[in-house]
Amino acid sequence: QGAVTAAHVLAMAANRDGKFSISNPFFGAEKRMAPAESYCRIGIERIYDRGELVFPDVIQVFHPQVITMGKSYTMPFYSGVKEGGVVVINSAQPLLSEEDIQRLKDLNVAVFYIAGTELAIEVAGTELSTNMAMIGSVAGITKCVSMEALDGALQERFGKKFVASGGTASLDEAIKKKFAKKEMLLAKNLATVKAAYEIASVWAEKNKVELQVGNPAVAA
């Protein structure tokens, strides 16, 4: 679902906003349908840690099977989330058990559901832009990066020749083939980001969700 690309775009946007950032993927077992994780650290001070993000402020679930089928390297998937953090889930329907809801409530962790795949299909015409909806969601809730910076990061990522690593290259090429012109690709991706950003911003304001941290970190 493009979690690796999403983390990288967020990191690129943070740099454009004058912040420090690092993104790094974790693919785990090299087998078909194996879960993949990606980490993005964003801060106001220089970041040196490139390892696994054990205690994230925000966790994003790109695919419902992370919850419904336990496709996560840590169980429960929200293990380590900081008190007062946020969980963003790509689903049109609630997926958490009563036990999970209570445990997250005890940690004062806010849970935001967004039908990211449906939104991507509606706005961009393809589920390949699901990661754009997830980018918009975390940015809308945390304001960790600006829309202007995201616009620039997307142009840098998809508007010019970019050499991706391993699993992200094939996804990037699939997206580029889906849209004949780069201009359309950029416009559709940005529109999806903006749509999710607005939805998430309204939700965060309504529910008074705000991360009181200096160095937000995101795990997808």
C-alpha atoms as a PDB file:
ATOM      1  CA  GLN A   1       0.000   0.000   0.000  1.00  0.00           C
ATOM      2  CA  GLY A   2       2.950   2.361  -0.380  1.00  0.00           C
ATOM      3  CA  ALA A   3       3.936   2.835   3.265  1.00  0.00           C
ATOM      4  CA  VAL A   4       7.597   3.175   2.328  1.00  0.00           C
ATOM      5  CA  THR A   5       6.892   5.898  -0.214  1.00  0.00           C
ATOM      6  CA  ALA A   6       4.594   7.687   2.247  1.00  0.00           C
ATOM      7  CA  ALA A   7       7.256   7.816   4.943  1.00  0.00           C
ATOM      8  CA  HIS A   8       9.810   9.121   2.472  1.00  0.00           C
ATOM      9  CA  VAL A   9       7.506  11.852   1.154  1.00  0.00           C
ATOM     10  CA  LEU A  10       6.754  12.962   4.721  1.00  0.00           C
ATOM     11  CA  ALA A  11      10.463  13.131   5.495  1.00  0.00           C
ATOM     12  CA  MET A  12      11.139  15.123   2.325  1.00  0.00           C
ATOM     13  CA  ALA A  13       8.329  17.539   3.212  1.00  0.00           C
ATOM     14  CA  ALA A  14       9.693  18.000   6.730  1.00  0.00           C
ATOM     15  CA  ASN A  15      13.069  18.957   5.292  1.00  0.00           C
ATOM     16  CA  ARG A  16      11.350  21.550   3.117  1.00  0.00           C
ATOM     17  CA  ASP A  17       9.738  22.974   6.253  1.00  0.00           C
ATOM     18  CA  GLY A  18      13.164  23.388   7.819  1.00  0.00           C
ATOM     19  CA  LYS A  19      12.869  20.412  10.146  1.00  0.00           C
ATOM     20  CA  PHE A  20      15.098  17.395  10.566  1.00  0.00           C
ATOM     21  CA  SER A  21      13.838  14.014   9.383  1.00  0.00           C
ATOM     22  CA  ILE A  22      14.804  10.437   8.654  1.00  0.00           C
ATOM     23  CA  SER A  23      12.745   7.700   7.003  1.00  0.00           C
ATOM     24  CA  ASN A  24      13.691   4.069   6.788  1.00  0.00           C
ATOM     25  CA  PRO A  25      11.796   0.913   5.725  1.00  0.00           C
ATOM     26  CA  PHE A  26      11.603  -2.513   7.304  1.00  0.00           C
ATOM     27  CA  PHE A  27      10.499  -5.349   5.034  1.00  0.00           C
ATOM     28  CA  GLY A  28      10.988  -8.347   7.336  1.00  0.00           C
ATOM     29  CA  ALA A  29      10.509 -11.763   5.747  1.00  0.00           C
ATOM     30  CA  GLU A  30      11.087 -11.757   1.992  1.00  0.00           C
ATOM     31  CA  LYS A  31       7.924 -13.544   0.964  1.00  0.00           C
ATOM     32  CA  ARG A  32       4.763 -12.614  -0.856  1.00  0.00           C
ATOM     33  CA  MET A  33       2.157 -10.743   1.232  1.00  0.00           C
ATOM     34  CA  ALA A  34       4.592 -10.382   4.142  1.00  0.00           C
ATOM     35  CA  PRO A  35       3.942  -7.199   6.132  1.00  0.00           C
ATOM     36  CA  ALA A  36       6.160  -4.172   5.573  1.00  0.00           C
ATOM     37  CA  GLU A  37       6.792  -1.325   7.971  1.00  0.00           C
ATOM     38  CA  SER A  38       8.305   2.073   7.435  1.00  0.00           C
ATOM     39  CA  TYR A  39       9.399   4.649   9.969  1.00  0.00           C
ATOM     40  CA  CYS A  40       9.518   8.413   9.723  1.00  0.00           C
ATOM     41  CA  ARG A  41      11.144  10.561  12.375  1.00  0.00           C
ATOM     42  CA  ILE A  42      10.537  14.299  12.257  1.00  0.00           C
ATOM     43  CA  GLY A  43      12.008  16.721  14.748  1.00  0.00           C
ATOM     44  CA  ILE A  44      13.240  20.203  15.502  1.00  0.00           C
ATOM     45  CA  GLU A  45      16.657  18.835  16.462  1.00  0.00           C
ATOM     46  CA  ARG A  46      19.091  16.709  14.479  1.00  0.00           C
ATOM     47  CA  ILE A  47      18.118  13.021  14.450  1.00  0.00           C
ATOM     48  CA  TYR A  48      20.724  10.278  14.700  1.00  0.00           C
ATOM     49  CA  ASP A  49      18.642   7.164  15.374  1.00  0.00           C
ATOM     50  CA  ARG A  50      17.926   5.165  12.201  1.00  0.00           C
ATOM     51  CA  GLY A  51      16.760   1.959  13.823  1.00  0.00           C
ATOM     52  CA  GLU A  52      13.311   0.539  14.436  1.00  0.00           C
ATOM     53  CA  LEU A  53      10.865   3.065  15.816  1.00  0.00           C
ATOM     54  CA  VAL A  54       9.840   1.354  19.043  1.00  0.00           C
ATOM     55  CA  PHE A  55       7.862   4.167  20.700  1.00  0.00           C
ATOM     56  CA  PRO A  56       6.050   6.153  18.015  1.00  0.00           C
ATOM     57  CA  ASP A  57       3.772   9.122  18.566  1.00  0.00           C
ATOM     58  CA  VAL A  58       1.653   8.088  15.582  1.00  0.00           C
ATOM     59  CA  ILE A  59       0.931   4.657  14.105  1.00  0.00           C
ATOM     60  CA  GLN A  60      -0.679   4.349  10.695  1.00  0.00           C
ATOM     61  CA  VAL A  61      -2.337   1.146   9.537  1.00  0.00           C
ATOM     62  CA  PHE A  62      -2.394   1.078   5.740  1.00  0.00           C
ATOM     63  CA  HIS A  63      -4.246  -2.233   5.369  1.00  0.00           C
ATOM     64  CA  PRO A  64      -7.063  -3.649   7.543  1.00  0.00           C
ATOM     65  CA  GLN A  65      -5.404  -7.084   7.584  1.00  0.00           C
ATOM     66  CA  VAL A  66      -2.789  -5.680   9.965  1.00  0.00           C
ATOM     67  CA  ILE A  67      -5.607  -5.792  12.517  1.00  0.00           C
ATOM     68  CA  THR A  68      -8.014  -8.436  11.223  1.00  0.00           C
ATOM     69  CA  MET A  69      -5.348 -11.032  10.398  1.00  0.00           C
ATOM     70  CA  GLY A  70      -2.535  -9.935  12.698  1.00  0.00           C
ATOM     71  CA  LYS A  71      -0.181  -9.030   9.861  1.00  0.00           C
ATOM     72  CA  SER A  72       2.140  -7.058  12.084  1.00  0.00           C
ATOM     73  CA  TYR A  73       5.609  -7.732  13.463  1.00  0.00           C
ATOM     74  CA  THR A  74       4.418  -6.643  16.902  1.00  0.00           C
ATOM     75  CA  MET A  75       1.202  -7.728  18.583  1.00  0.00           C
ATOM     76  CA  PRO A  76      -0.899  -5.896  19.268  1.00  0.00           C
ATOM     77  CA  PHE A  77       0.014  -3.616  16.375  1.00  0.00           C
ATOM     78  CA  TYR A  78      -0.070  -0.547  18.620  1.00  0.00           C
ATOM     79  CA  SER A  79       2.566  -1.877  21.024  1.00  0.00           C
ATOM     80  CA  GLY A  80       4.845   0.959  22.092  1.00  0.00           C
ATOM     81  CA  VAL A  81       2.603   3.832  21.047  1.00  0.00           C
ATOM     82  CA  LYS A  82       3.216   6.779  23.339  1.00  0.00           C
ATOM     83  CA  GLU A  83       0.648   8.017  25.798  1.00  0.00           C
ATOM     84  CA  GLY A  84      -1.381  10.762  24.158  1.00  0.00           C
ATOM     85  CA  GLY A  85      -0.497   9.465  20.701  1.00  0.00           C
ATOM     86  CA  VAL A  86      -2.608   8.827  17.623  1.00  0.00           C
ATOM     87  CA  VAL A  87      -3.548   5.718  15.631  1.00  0.00           C
ATOM     88  CA  VAL A  88      -4.708   6.232  12.029  1.00  0.00           C
ATOM     89  CA  ILE A  89      -6.474   3.277  10.400  1.00  0.00           C
ATOM     90  CA  ASN A  90      -7.319   2.909   6.720  1.00  0.00           C
ATOM     91  CA  SER A  91     -10.797   1.460   6.993  1.00  0.00           C
ATOM     92  CA  ALA A  92     -14.380   2.541   6.443  1.00  0.00           C
ATOM     93  CA  GLN A  93     -15.484   0.308   9.338  1.00  0.00           C
ATOM     94  CA  PRO A  94     -14.331   0.077  12.987  1.00  0.00           C
ATOM     95  CA  LEU A  95     -11.895  -2.807  13.390  1.00  0.00           C
ATOM     96  CA  LEU A  96     -10.675  -2.673  16.979  1.00  0.00           C
ATOM     97  CA  SER A  97     -11.887  -5.044  19.651  1.00  0.00           C
ATOM     98  CA  GLU A  98     -13.398  -3.746  22.864  1.00  0.00           C
ATOM     99  CA  GLU A  99     -10.197  -4.729  24.657  1.00  0.00           C
ATOM    100  CA  ASP A 100      -8.041  -2.758  22.212  1.00  0.00           C
ATOM    101  CA  ILE A 101     -10.343   0.251  22.433  1.00  0.00           C
ATOM    102  CA  GLN A 102     -10.077   0.260  26.211  1.00  0.00           C
ATOM    103  CA  ARG A 103      -6.292  -0.180  26.231  1.00  0.00           C
ATOM    104  CA  LEU A 104      -5.843   2.720  23.840  1.00  0.00           C
ATOM    105  CA  LYS A 105      -8.299   4.806  25.837  1.00  0.00           C
ATOM    106  CA  ASP A 106      -6.268   4.137  28.985  1.00  0.00           C
ATOM    107  CA  LEU A 107      -3.227   5.519  27.154  1.00  0.00           C
ATOM    108  CA  ASN A 108      -5.229   8.530  25.964  1.00  0.00           C
ATOM    109  CA  VAL A 109      -4.496   7.472  22.381  1.00  0.00           C
ATOM    110  CA  ALA A 110      -6.881   8.902  19.784  1.00  0.00           C
ATOM    111  CA  VAL A 111      -8.053   6.589  16.983  1.00  0.00           C
ATOM    112  CA  PHE A 112      -8.902   8.024  13.572  1.00  0.00           C
ATOM    113  CA  TYR A 113     -10.527   5.919  10.868  1.00  0.00           C
ATOM    114  CA  ILE A 114     -10.346   7.091   7.272  1.00  0.00           C
ATOM    115  CA  ALA A 115     -11.574   5.235   4.199  1.00  0.00           C
ATOM    116  CA  GLY A 116      -8.256   5.952   2.522  1.00  0.00           C
ATOM    117  CA  THR A 117      -8.537   3.445  -0.304  1.00  0.00           C
ATOM    118  CA  GLU A 118     -12.055   4.563  -1.172  1.00  0.00           C
ATOM    119  CA  LEU A 119     -10.949   8.204  -1.063  1.00  0.00           C
ATOM    120  CA  ALA A 120      -8.004   7.449  -3.351  1.00  0.00           C
ATOM    121  CA  ILE A 121     -10.273   5.734  -5.864  1.00  0.00           C
ATOM    122  CA  GLU A 122     -12.775   8.596  -5.716  1.00  0.00           C
ATOM    123  CA  VAL A 123     -10.231  11.409  -6.081  1.00  0.00           C
ATOM    124  CA  ALA A 124      -7.341   9.861  -8.001  1.00  0.00           C
ATOM    125  CA  GLY A 125      -9.178   7.036  -9.730  1.00  0.00           C
ATOM    126  CA  THR A 126      -6.851   4.362  -8.359  1.00  0.00           C
ATOM    127  CA  GLU A 127      -6.176   2.564  -5.090  1.00  0.00           C
ATOM    128  CA  LEU A 128      -2.457   3.124  -5.724  1.00  0.00           C
ATOM    129  CA  SER A 129      -2.932   6.580  -4.206  1.00  0.00           C
ATOM    130  CA  THR A 130      -4.042   5.144  -0.860  1.00  0.00           C
ATOM    131  CA  ASN A 131      -0.700   6.185   0.600  1.00  0.00           C
ATOM    132  CA  MET A 132      -1.454   9.782  -0.395  1.00  0.00           C
ATOM    133  CA  ALA A 133      -4.612   9.640   1.716  1.00  0.00           C
ATOM    134  CA  MET A 134      -2.556   8.351   4.632  1.00  0.00           C
ATOM    135  CA  ILE A 135      -0.001  11.142   4.193  1.00  0.00           C
ATOM    136  CA  GLY A 136      -2.777  13.715   4.233  1.00  0.00           C
ATOM    137  CA  SER A 137      -4.304  12.151   7.342  1.00  0.00           C
ATOM    138  CA  VAL A 138      -1.205  12.316   9.495  1.00  0.00           C
ATOM    139  CA  ALA A 139      -0.342  15.808   8.277  1.00  0.00           C
ATOM    140  CA  GLY A 140      -3.889  17.036   8.902  1.00  0.00           C
ATOM    141  CA  ILE A 141      -3.938  15.712  12.461  1.00  0.00           C
ATOM    142  CA  THR A 142      -0.402  16.529  13.594  1.00  0.00           C
ATOM    143  CA  LYS A 143       0.510  19.483  11.331  1.00  0.00           C
ATOM    144  CA  CYS A 144       4.004  17.966  11.341  1.00  0.00           C
ATOM    145  CA  VAL A 145       4.461  19.189   7.761  1.00  0.00           C
ATOM    146  CA  SER A 146       2.743  21.905   5.729  1.00  0.00           C
ATOM    147  CA  MET A 147       0.682  21.398   2.590  1.00  0.00           C
ATOM    148  CA  GLU A 148       3.123  23.636   0.715  1.00  0.00           C
ATOM    149  CA  ALA A 149       5.994  21.363   1.719  1.00  0.00           C
ATOM    150  CA  LEU A 150       4.021  18.260   0.754  1.00  0.00           C
ATOM    151  CA  ASP A 151       3.324  19.770  -2.663  1.00  0.00           C
ATOM    152  CA  GLY A 152       7.037  20.329  -3.184  1.00  0.00           C
ATOM    153  CA  ALA A 153       7.943  16.876  -1.904  1.00  0.00           C
ATOM    154  CA  LEU A 154       5.490  15.202  -4.284  1.00  0.00           C
ATOM    155  CA  GLN A 155       6.889  17.161  -7.211  1.00  0.00           C
ATOM    156  CA  GLU A 156      10.399  16.122  -6.211  1.00  0.00           C
ATOM    157  CA  ARG A 157       9.406  12.481  -5.812  1.00  0.00           C
ATOM    158  CA  PHE A 158       7.231  12.017  -8.894  1.00  0.00           C
ATOM    159  CA  GLY A 159       7.993  15.006 -11.064  1.00  0.00           C
ATOM    160  CA  LYS A 160      11.577  14.117 -11.891  1.00  0.00           C
ATOM    161  CA  LYS A 161      13.710  11.032 -12.258  1.00  0.00           C
ATOM    162  CA  PHE A 162      13.974   9.444  -8.835  1.00  0.00           C
ATOM    163  CA  VAL A 163      15.805   6.227  -8.031  1.00  0.00           C
ATOM    164  CA  ALA A 164      13.842   4.332  -5.393  1.00  0.00           C
ATOM    165  CA  SER A 165      15.062   1.320  -3.482  1.00  0.00           C
ATOM    166  CA  GLY A 166      13.837  -2.240  -3.678  1.00  0.00           C
ATOM    167  CA  GLY A 167      10.119  -2.546  -3.054  1.00  0.00           C
ATOM    168  CA  THR A 168       9.229   1.078  -3.757  1.00  0.00           C
ATOM    169  CA  ALA A 169      10.528   1.246  -7.345  1.00  0.00           C
ATOM    170  CA  SER A 170       7.916  -1.135  -8.726  1.00  0.00           C
ATOM    171  CA  LEU A 171       5.098   0.737  -6.982  1.00  0.00           C
ATOM    172  CA  ASP A 172       6.336   4.087  -8.281  1.00  0.00           C
ATOM    173  CA  GLU A 173       6.451   2.711 -11.827  1.00  0.00           C
ATOM    174  CA  ALA A 174       2.977   1.224 -11.484  1.00  0.00           C
ATOM    175  CA  ILE A 175       1.661   4.614 -10.446  1.00  0.00           C
ATOM    176  CA  LYS A 176       3.415   6.352 -13.335  1.00  0.00           C
ATOM    177  CA  LYS A 177       1.950   3.904 -15.848  1.00  0.00           C
ATOM    178  CA  LYS A 178      -1.529   4.444 -14.415  1.00  0.00           C
ATOM    179  CA  PHE A 179      -1.271   8.123 -15.280  1.00  0.00           C
ATOM    180  CA  ALA A 180       0.030   8.965 -18.752  1.00  0.00           C
ATOM    181  CA  LYS A 181       1.325  12.375 -17.776  1.00  0.00           C
ATOM    182  CA  LYS A 182       3.369  13.390 -14.768  1.00  0.00           C
ATOM    183  CA  GLU A 183       1.284  16.519 -14.412  1.00  0.00           C
ATOM    184  CA  MET A 184      -1.841  14.432 -13.950  1.00  0.00           C
ATOM    185  CA  LEU A 185      -0.044  12.161 -11.507  1.00  0.00           C
ATOM    186  CA  LEU A 186       1.035  15.096  -9.386  1.00  0.00           C
ATOM    187  CA  ALA A 187      -2.381  16.738  -9.517  1.00  0.00           C
ATOM    188  CA  LYS A 188      -4.241  13.563  -8.539  1.00  0.00           C
ATOM    189  CA  ASN A 189      -1.827  12.697  -5.745  1.00  0.00           C
ATOM    190  CA  LEU A 190      -1.916  16.218  -4.334  1.00  0.00           C
ATOM    191  CA  ALA A 191      -5.712  16.310  -4.544  1.00  0.00           C
ATOM    192  CA  THR A 192      -5.891  13.065  -2.570  1.00  0.00           C
ATOM    193  CA  VAL A 193      -3.485  14.411   0.049  1.00  0.00           C
ATOM    194  CA  LYS A 194      -5.517  17.618   0.374  1.00  0.00           C
ATOM    195  CA  ALA A 195      -8.832  15.779   0.656  1.00  0.00           C
ATOM    196  CA  ALA A 196      -7.529  13.560   3.449  1.00  0.00           C
ATOM    197  CA  TYR A 197      -5.812  16.526   5.105  1.00  0.00           C
ATOM    198  CA  GLU A 198      -9.108  18.411   5.328  1.00  0.00           C
ATOM    199  CA  ILE A 199     -11.014  15.402   6.658  1.00  0.00           C
ATOM    200  CA  ALA A 200      -8.360  14.714   9.301  1.00  0.00           C
ATOM    201  CA  SER A 201      -8.039  18.377  10.284  1.00  0.00           C
ATOM    202  CA  VAL A 202     -11.764  18.673  10.918  1.00  0.00           C
ATOM    203  CA  TRP A 203     -11.735  15.459  12.964  1.00  0.00           C
ATOM    204  CA  ALA A 204      -8.726  16.599  15.028  1.00  0.00           C
ATOM    205  CA  GLU A 205     -10.292  19.988  15.756  1.00  0.00           C
ATOM    206  CA  LYS A 206     -13.660  18.470  16.632  1.00  0.00           C
ATOM    207  CA  ASN A 207     -12.107  15.910  18.976  1.00  0.00           C
ATOM    208  CA  LYS A 208      -9.457  18.295  20.310  1.00  0.00           C
ATOM    209  CA  VAL A 209      -6.627  16.018  19.238  1.00  0.00           C
ATOM    210  CA  GLU A 210      -3.214  17.641  19.300  1.00  0.00           C
ATOM    211  CA  LEU A 211       0.190  16.071  19.800  1.00  0.00           C
ATOM    212  CA  GLN A 212       2.052  17.914  22.528  1.00  0.00           C
ATOM    213  CA  VAL A 213       5.522  16.811  21.463  1.00  0.00           C
ATOM    214  CA  GLY A 214       8.568  18.508  19.998  1.00  0.00           C
ATOM    215  CA  ASN A 215       9.723  15.610  17.870  1.00  0.00           C
ATOM    216  CA  PRO A 216       6.795  13.739  16.320  1.00  0.00           C
ATOM    217  CA  ALA A 217       7.544  10.280  14.931  1.00  0.00           C
ATOM    218  CA  VAL A 218       5.387   8.181  12.654  1.00  0.00           C
ATOM    219  CA  ALA A 219       5.338   4.428  12.082  1.00  0.00           C
ATOM    220  CA  ALA A 220       3.418   3.037   9.133  1.00  0.00           C
END
